[in-house]
Amino acid sequence: MKYKLVSFTLLMCVVLQFSVSAVPLSSILDKHELPASETIEWTNDEKLPILNLLPDANGAGQVRESFFTYRPEITVQRLYRMEIDALKKLESDEVLLHLVNILCDTDSQTGYKYRSSRRDKRIELIEESYRVDNDDNKTDDLHFGSLAEAGVEKIQKVPADQPLASIEFRQYIKEANFRGAIFEQVIYIGKDWIRFTSTNEERLWVKIFPLMKAKGFRNEFFLFKEEGNWYVYGSSQIESMPTLNQLFGEPVHLPSMYRKRMDVYKAWMRDRLEKKTN
């Protein structure tokens, strides 16, 4: 009976959290200059975290629900604006189709660099990237000529928070910070939003050290339209913070590294989107 009461109490807290944490985008923009950043530590269920940079937009409820289901110990949030004037002239369906094909274009992710404080130089984040089949063999990227090909029906009566279709694929990624690993990628397509989640299928290694267990790291991007502009909410979620200092003998700042990682992904999406719309 005691355990049922604790579970019910936590459930009610989560429900209350959903109701009070929906922040209008205008309030976020009043408090922050973009890109905005925040790191959340969740180590105590008595004090549930608030996703202060996730606005009250269509599809955001899916992101919040997923966050509380995954229960990450460390979350790094970023909020960006897509500074592309051409997007304002396009219908949402056109932008969504471009975004779906960009997220499926694994080959285009290489070549983007960031400044590494630890190495004191600019390094390429993704060294190798390609889609793999169920047998882990390299295969062609997905590409869709229309949203209908991606599974979106023209007439669907669903709540604004619910996806119209989803696309799943597996991707091999070799990064500057990790050895190569396969990630499970899922794209959720909404009426005027896209949610992209990336979760490691395999254990992540740094050199010879196992850093995170399988499914211990998740990267998420939520792209949405608000008042004529497109925005990107990104979060890197670590299920359990590893004791890196014991492994390397020096501090390794995962929050800083993941902020830079999200910056690279945002730059990649922006560049590809600008090429497709100009």
Protein backbone atom coordinates (compact mmCIF):
# COMPACT_ATOMS: atom_id res chain seq x y z
CA MET A 1 0.00 0.00 0.00
CA LYS A 2 2.90 2.31 0.83
CA TYR A 3 4.47 1.84 -2.61
CA LYS A 4 1.14 2.52 -4.33
CA LEU A 5 0.81 5.75 -2.36
CA VAL A 6 4.33 6.88 -3.33
CA SER A 7 3.68 6.09 -7.00
CA PHE A 8 0.34 7.90 -6.92
CA THR A 9 1.96 10.92 -5.25
CA LEU A 10 4.72 11.05 -7.88
CA LEU A 11 2.12 10.72 -10.65
CA MET A 12 0.10 13.60 -9.25
CA CYS A 13 3.27 15.71 -8.99
CA VAL A 14 4.04 15.00 -12.64
CA VAL A 15 0.49 15.94 -13.67
CA LEU A 16 0.81 19.17 -11.67
CA GLN A 17 4.22 19.76 -13.26
CA PHE A 18 2.67 19.54 -16.74
CA SER A 19 0.07 22.13 -15.81
CA VAL A 20 2.45 24.69 -14.29
CA SER A 21 5.50 24.23 -16.55
CA ALA A 22 3.87 25.25 -19.82
CA VAL A 23 5.65 28.55 -20.42
CA PRO A 24 4.58 30.86 -23.28
CA LEU A 25 7.35 31.53 -25.79
CA SER A 26 6.94 35.28 -25.25
CA SER A 27 7.82 34.86 -21.55
CA ILE A 28 10.96 32.89 -22.42
CA LEU A 29 12.05 35.51 -24.95
CA ASP A 30 11.49 38.27 -22.38
CA LYS A 31 13.89 36.55 -19.97
CA HIS A 32 16.51 35.14 -22.35
CA GLU A 33 18.51 36.10 -25.40
CA LEU A 34 18.73 33.32 -27.97
CA PRO A 35 20.41 30.95 -28.05
CA ALA A 36 19.50 30.30 -24.41
CA SER A 37 20.97 27.51 -22.30
CA GLU A 38 20.19 25.78 -19.03
CA THR A 39 21.43 22.66 -17.24
CA ILE A 40 19.04 20.63 -15.08
CA GLU A 41 20.00 18.09 -12.41
CA TRP A 42 17.28 15.65 -11.35
CA THR A 43 18.39 13.71 -8.29
CA ASN A 44 15.39 14.18 -5.99
CA ASP A 45 11.81 13.18 -6.82
CA GLU A 46 10.53 15.53 -4.13
CA LYS A 47 11.54 18.46 -6.33
CA LEU A 48 10.58 17.81 -9.92
CA PRO A 49 12.52 19.80 -12.55
CA ILE A 50 10.94 22.39 -14.82
CA LEU A 51 11.88 22.66 -18.48
CA ASN A 52 12.07 26.44 -18.47
CA LEU A 53 13.25 26.72 -22.08
CA LEU A 54 10.54 24.47 -23.56
CA PRO A 55 7.69 26.75 -24.67
CA ASP A 56 3.98 26.00 -24.65
CA ALA A 57 3.82 25.07 -28.34
CA ASN A 58 2.03 22.32 -30.24
CA GLY A 59 4.00 19.11 -29.70
CA ALA A 60 5.75 20.31 -26.53
CA GLY A 61 3.60 18.05 -24.39
CA GLN A 62 5.19 15.05 -26.11
CA VAL A 63 8.64 16.34 -25.19
CA ARG A 64 7.70 16.87 -21.53
CA GLU A 65 6.07 13.46 -21.22
CA SER A 66 9.10 11.79 -22.76
CA PHE A 67 11.42 13.67 -20.38
CA PHE A 68 9.59 12.47 -17.27
CA THR A 69 9.42 8.91 -18.61
CA TYR A 70 13.16 8.79 -19.34
CA ARG A 71 14.04 10.47 -15.98
CA PRO A 72 17.55 11.76 -16.88
CA GLU A 73 19.89 12.76 -14.10
CA ILE A 74 21.49 15.51 -16.18
CA THR A 75 19.79 17.49 -18.95
CA VAL A 76 21.36 20.26 -21.01
CA GLN A 77 18.77 22.47 -22.76
CA ARG A 78 19.19 24.93 -25.61
CA LEU A 79 16.67 27.12 -27.43
CA TYR A 80 17.46 28.60 -30.84
CA ARG A 81 15.72 30.62 -33.51
CA MET A 82 16.14 29.60 -37.16
CA GLU A 83 17.34 32.85 -38.71
CA ILE A 84 16.23 32.10 -42.28
CA ASP A 85 13.97 34.70 -43.90
CA ALA A 86 12.89 32.34 -46.69
CA LEU A 87 11.09 30.12 -44.16
CA LYS A 88 8.48 32.84 -43.57
CA LYS A 89 7.36 32.54 -47.20
CA LEU A 90 6.84 28.78 -47.09
CA GLU A 91 3.87 26.77 -45.89
CA SER A 92 4.45 24.59 -42.83
CA ASP A 93 4.13 21.40 -44.91
CA GLU A 94 6.98 22.51 -47.16
CA VAL A 95 9.26 23.24 -44.20
CA LEU A 96 8.33 19.96 -42.51
CA LEU A 97 9.22 17.96 -45.62
CA HIS A 98 12.58 19.72 -45.87
CA LEU A 99 13.27 19.00 -42.19
CA VAL A 100 12.35 15.32 -42.50
CA ASN A 101 14.75 14.84 -45.42
CA ILE A 102 17.51 16.78 -43.65
CA LEU A 103 17.23 14.61 -40.52
CA CYS A 104 17.36 11.50 -42.71
CA ASP A 105 20.44 12.76 -44.61
CA THR A 106 23.08 11.13 -42.42
CA ASP A 107 25.94 11.61 -44.91
CA SER A 108 25.69 15.41 -44.67
CA GLN A 109 26.44 15.56 -40.93
CA THR A 110 30.22 15.32 -41.23
CA GLY A 111 32.54 18.30 -41.62
CA TYR A 112 31.12 20.55 -38.89
CA LYS A 113 33.56 21.74 -36.24
CA TYR A 114 33.43 23.20 -32.74
CA ARG A 115 35.96 24.72 -30.37
CA SER A 116 37.25 22.20 -27.83
CA SER A 117 38.42 23.91 -24.64
CA ARG A 118 40.16 20.77 -23.42
CA ARG A 119 42.12 20.32 -26.65
CA ASP A 120 42.43 24.06 -27.30
CA LYS A 121 41.56 23.77 -30.99
CA ARG A 122 38.67 23.38 -33.41
CA ILE A 123 37.78 19.76 -34.08
CA GLU A 124 35.31 17.98 -36.32
CA LEU A 125 32.43 16.64 -34.23
CA ILE A 126 31.15 13.82 -36.45
CA GLU A 127 33.90 11.93 -38.24
CA GLU A 128 31.74 9.25 -39.83
CA SER A 129 27.98 8.88 -40.24
CA TYR A 130 25.69 6.60 -42.25
CA ARG A 131 22.42 4.70 -42.03
CA VAL A 132 22.55 0.98 -41.25
CA ASP A 133 20.06 -1.84 -41.75
CA ASN A 134 18.96 -4.42 -39.17
CA ASP A 135 22.15 -6.40 -39.77
CA ASP A 136 24.31 -3.28 -39.08
CA ASN A 137 25.32 -3.02 -42.74
CA LYS A 138 25.60 0.40 -44.41
CA THR A 139 22.56 1.28 -46.49
CA ASP A 140 21.17 4.22 -48.45
CA ASP A 141 19.63 7.19 -46.66
CA LEU A 142 15.88 7.65 -46.65
CA HIS A 143 14.37 10.37 -48.83
CA PHE A 144 10.73 11.39 -49.29
CA GLY A 145 9.16 13.28 -52.17
CA SER A 146 6.17 14.29 -50.07
CA LEU A 147 4.83 14.10 -46.54
CA ALA A 148 2.38 11.49 -47.81
CA GLU A 149 5.36 9.25 -48.68
CA ALA A 150 6.52 9.73 -45.09
CA GLY A 151 3.17 8.45 -43.83
CA VAL A 152 1.30 11.72 -43.26
CA GLU A 153 -2.30 11.64 -44.43
CA LYS A 154 -3.81 14.92 -45.63
CA ILE A 155 -6.84 14.71 -43.36
CA GLN A 156 -6.18 13.51 -39.82
CA LYS A 157 -8.25 14.50 -36.81
CA VAL A 158 -5.74 14.22 -33.98
CA PRO A 159 -4.86 16.55 -31.07
CA ALA A 160 -2.25 19.19 -31.91
CA ASP A 161 0.22 17.49 -29.53
CA GLN A 162 -0.03 14.10 -31.25
CA PRO A 163 2.19 13.14 -34.21
CA LEU A 164 0.66 12.45 -37.60
CA ALA A 165 3.38 9.95 -38.52
CA SER A 166 6.75 8.66 -37.34
CA ILE A 167 9.89 7.45 -39.10
CA GLU A 168 12.46 5.13 -37.51
CA PHE A 169 15.94 4.24 -38.69
CA ARG A 170 19.32 3.21 -37.29
CA GLN A 171 22.45 5.29 -37.75
CA TYR A 172 26.14 4.60 -37.18
CA ILE A 173 27.94 7.65 -35.75
CA LYS A 174 31.61 8.05 -34.95
CA GLU A 175 32.25 11.24 -32.99
CA ALA A 176 35.34 13.05 -31.83
CA ASN A 177 34.35 12.30 -28.22
CA PHE A 178 33.12 8.71 -28.57
CA ARG A 179 34.05 5.59 -30.44
CA GLY A 180 31.66 4.57 -33.21
CA ALA A 181 28.23 3.37 -32.09
CA ILE A 182 24.77 2.73 -33.50
CA PHE A 183 21.93 5.06 -32.54
CA GLU A 184 18.18 4.55 -32.77
CA GLN A 185 16.69 7.57 -34.55
CA VAL A 186 12.98 8.47 -34.51
CA ILE A 187 11.30 11.40 -36.29
CA TYR A 188 7.79 12.38 -35.16
CA ILE A 189 5.90 14.61 -37.61
CA GLY A 190 3.19 16.93 -36.25
CA LYS A 191 0.92 19.48 -37.90
CA ASP A 192 3.44 22.31 -37.47
CA TRP A 193 6.28 20.65 -35.56
CA ILE A 194 8.86 17.88 -35.71
CA ARG A 195 10.41 15.98 -32.84
CA PHE A 196 13.64 14.04 -33.39
CA THR A 197 15.08 11.65 -30.78
CA SER A 198 18.43 9.89 -30.91
CA THR A 199 19.31 7.15 -28.39
CA ASN A 200 22.46 5.04 -28.25
CA GLU A 201 21.71 1.34 -28.87
CA GLU A 202 25.19 0.36 -27.73
CA ARG A 203 27.46 1.31 -24.86
CA LEU A 204 29.39 4.52 -25.53
CA TRP A 205 33.15 4.37 -25.08
CA VAL A 206 35.82 7.04 -24.61
CA LYS A 207 39.11 5.50 -25.65
CA ILE A 208 39.15 2.21 -23.69
CA PHE A 209 36.72 3.37 -21.01
CA PRO A 210 33.00 2.51 -21.03
CA LEU A 211 31.29 5.86 -20.51
CA MET A 212 27.54 5.23 -20.77
CA LYS A 213 25.46 2.07 -20.94
CA ALA A 214 23.17 1.30 -23.86
CA LYS A 215 20.25 3.79 -23.96
CA GLY A 216 22.02 5.84 -21.28
CA PHE A 217 22.24 8.94 -23.50
CA ARG A 218 19.53 10.63 -25.51
CA ASN A 219 19.65 13.65 -27.76
CA GLU A 220 16.42 15.38 -28.73
CA PHE A 221 15.43 18.22 -31.05
CA PHE A 222 11.97 19.78 -31.16
CA LEU A 223 11.41 22.10 -34.14
CA PHE A 224 8.25 24.20 -34.13
CA LYS A 225 6.63 27.24 -35.70
CA GLU A 226 5.47 30.17 -33.57
CA GLU A 227 4.28 33.57 -34.81
CA GLY A 228 5.80 33.05 -38.25
CA ASN A 229 9.24 31.97 -37.00
CA TRP A 230 10.75 28.51 -36.66
CA TYR A 231 12.52 27.60 -33.42
CA VAL A 232 14.65 24.67 -32.25
CA TYR A 233 14.54 23.33 -28.71
CA GLY A 234 17.40 20.91 -28.08
CA SER A 235 18.19 18.74 -25.09
CA SER A 236 20.95 16.27 -24.31
CA GLN A 237 19.89 13.88 -21.57
CA ILE A 238 22.17 11.66 -19.51
CA GLU A 239 20.38 8.93 -17.60
CA SER A 240 23.14 8.62 -15.00
CA MET A 241 26.15 10.93 -14.68
CA PRO A 242 29.38 8.92 -15.05
CA THR A 243 32.28 9.41 -12.64
CA LEU A 244 34.62 10.71 -15.34
CA ASN A 245 37.14 12.25 -12.95
CA GLN A 246 38.01 8.81 -11.62
CA LEU A 247 38.62 7.57 -15.14
CA PHE A 248 40.67 10.41 -16.54
CA GLY A 249 42.08 12.10 -13.46
CA GLU A 250 40.80 15.49 -14.63
CA PRO A 251 37.39 17.15 -14.91
CA VAL A 252 35.45 16.43 -18.08
CA HIS A 253 32.54 18.83 -18.43
CA LEU A 254 29.70 16.95 -20.09
CA PRO A 255 27.23 19.88 -19.97
CA SER A 256 29.67 22.11 -21.84
CA MET A 257 30.44 19.39 -24.36
CA TYR A 258 26.76 18.73 -25.04
CA ARG A 259 25.97 22.42 -25.49
CA LYS A 260 28.62 22.56 -28.19
CA ARG A 261 27.30 19.32 -29.66
CA MET A 262 23.82 20.80 -29.99
CA ASP A 263 25.29 23.97 -31.52
CA VAL A 264 26.90 21.84 -34.23
CA TYR A 265 23.66 19.98 -34.97
CA LYS A 266 21.72 23.24 -35.13
CA ALA A 267 24.30 24.72 -37.52
CA TRP A 268 24.02 21.60 -39.69
CA MET A 269 20.21 21.78 -39.81
CA ARG A 270 20.29 25.51 -40.53
CA ASP A 271 22.82 25.18 -43.35
CA ARG A 272 20.92 22.35 -45.01
CA LEU A 273 17.59 24.14 -44.62
CA GLU A 274 18.98 27.37 -46.06
CA LYS A 275 20.31 25.50 -49.12
CA LYS A 276 16.94 23.86 -49.70
CA THR A 277 14.91 27.08 -49.38
CA ASN A 278 17.11 29.58 -51.27
